[in-house]
Amino acid sequence: MTHKVEWIDGGREPRCEPNPNFPEGRDIRIGADTSCIVALPYPAKRCGVYIITCEACGVKTGVTTAGRPDDPRSVEIPCERGPRQ
């Protein structure tokens, strides 16, 4: 599957300390019977949001970033086309 990943800069730096339980990022699972795992650019520059679009089935989702070690490094998104990739 091909996914488009776009990061939208929120224009600000984080205000809170990162979660020490995730020093190397988090893997986000949106949840579905059929899904695709998409690697995200890590770490993010600062506060913002990744918009992930599946170019095969059109599913679109977003995950926020804060420019910290506990930011998402991947996201598992629902897919309309078949088994996990």
Protein backbone atom coordinates (compact mmCIF):
# COMPACT_ATOMS: atom_id res chain seq x y z
CA MET A 1 0.00 0.00 0.00
CA THR A 2 1.06 3.55 -0.60
CA HIS A 3 0.39 6.20 1.99
CA LYS A 4 0.85 9.94 1.82
CA VAL A 5 2.14 11.45 5.07
CA GLU A 6 1.91 15.22 5.48
CA TRP A 7 3.03 17.13 8.57
CA ILE A 8 1.32 20.42 9.38
CA ASP A 9 3.41 22.67 11.62
CA GLY A 10 1.50 24.02 14.60
CA GLY A 11 3.99 26.89 14.90
CA ARG A 12 4.85 26.39 18.56
CA GLU A 13 7.14 24.44 20.85
CA PRO A 14 5.84 21.95 23.48
CA ARG A 15 4.90 23.27 26.93
CA CYS A 16 4.93 19.97 28.86
CA GLU A 17 7.64 17.44 29.60
CA PRO A 18 7.59 14.21 27.53
CA ASN A 19 6.22 10.98 28.96
CA PRO A 20 9.33 9.13 30.23
CA ASN A 21 7.69 5.76 29.42
CA PHE A 22 8.21 6.43 25.69
CA PRO A 23 11.78 7.72 25.20
CA GLU A 24 11.92 6.40 21.63
CA GLY A 25 8.43 7.34 20.44
CA ARG A 26 5.03 5.66 20.40
CA ASP A 27 3.29 3.36 17.98
CA ILE A 28 -0.32 4.51 17.57
CA ARG A 29 -3.11 2.02 16.78
CA ILE A 30 -6.39 3.46 15.55
CA GLY A 31 -7.91 -0.03 15.52
CA ALA A 32 -9.73 -2.08 12.91
CA ASP A 33 -9.99 -5.69 11.74
CA THR A 34 -8.04 -4.77 8.61
CA SER A 35 -5.28 -2.20 8.86
CA CYS A 36 -1.97 -0.90 7.54
CA ILE A 37 1.03 0.21 9.59
CA VAL A 38 2.57 3.46 8.40
CA ALA A 39 5.98 4.68 9.60
CA LEU A 40 6.05 8.39 10.41
CA PRO A 41 9.02 10.76 10.20
CA TYR A 42 10.44 10.75 13.73
CA PRO A 43 11.03 12.88 15.65
CA ALA A 44 8.68 15.66 14.60
CA LYS A 45 10.14 19.17 14.49
CA ARG A 46 7.68 20.55 17.09
CA CYS A 47 3.94 20.79 17.78
CA GLY A 48 1.86 19.87 14.76
CA VAL A 49 -0.15 17.08 13.18
CA TYR A 50 0.56 14.31 10.70
CA ILE A 51 -2.20 13.73 8.15
CA ILE A 52 -1.98 10.18 6.74
CA THR A 53 -3.94 9.27 3.60
CA CYS A 54 -4.11 5.79 2.07
CA GLU A 55 -3.78 6.31 -1.68
CA ALA A 56 -5.35 2.87 -2.32
CA CYS A 57 -8.58 3.11 -0.32
CA GLY A 58 -8.81 6.80 0.64
CA VAL A 59 -8.86 6.39 4.43
CA LYS A 60 -7.49 9.54 6.08
CA THR A 61 -6.51 10.11 9.71
CA GLY A 62 -4.42 12.49 11.78
CA VAL A 63 -2.14 12.20 14.80
CA THR A 64 -0.69 15.10 16.75
CA THR A 65 2.98 15.74 17.54
CA ALA A 66 4.76 17.84 20.13
CA GLY A 67 8.39 17.62 19.00
CA ARG A 68 9.24 15.41 21.99
CA PRO A 69 10.69 11.90 22.43
CA ASP A 70 7.20 10.48 23.13
CA ASP A 71 5.81 11.54 19.71
CA PRO A 72 4.28 8.94 17.37
CA ARG A 73 6.77 7.02 15.20
CA SER A 74 4.14 4.90 13.43
CA VAL A 75 0.39 4.66 13.12
CA GLU A 76 -1.79 1.64 12.36
CA ILE A 77 -4.81 2.83 10.39
CA PRO A 78 -7.99 1.08 9.18
CA CYS A 79 -7.87 -0.11 5.58
CA GLU A 80 -10.72 -0.90 3.24
CA ARG A 81 -8.72 -3.14 0.89
CA GLY A 82 -7.57 -6.28 2.68
CA PRO A 83 -5.32 -7.82 5.34
CA ARG A 84 -2.65 -6.00 7.28
CA GLN A 85 0.37 -4.93 5.22
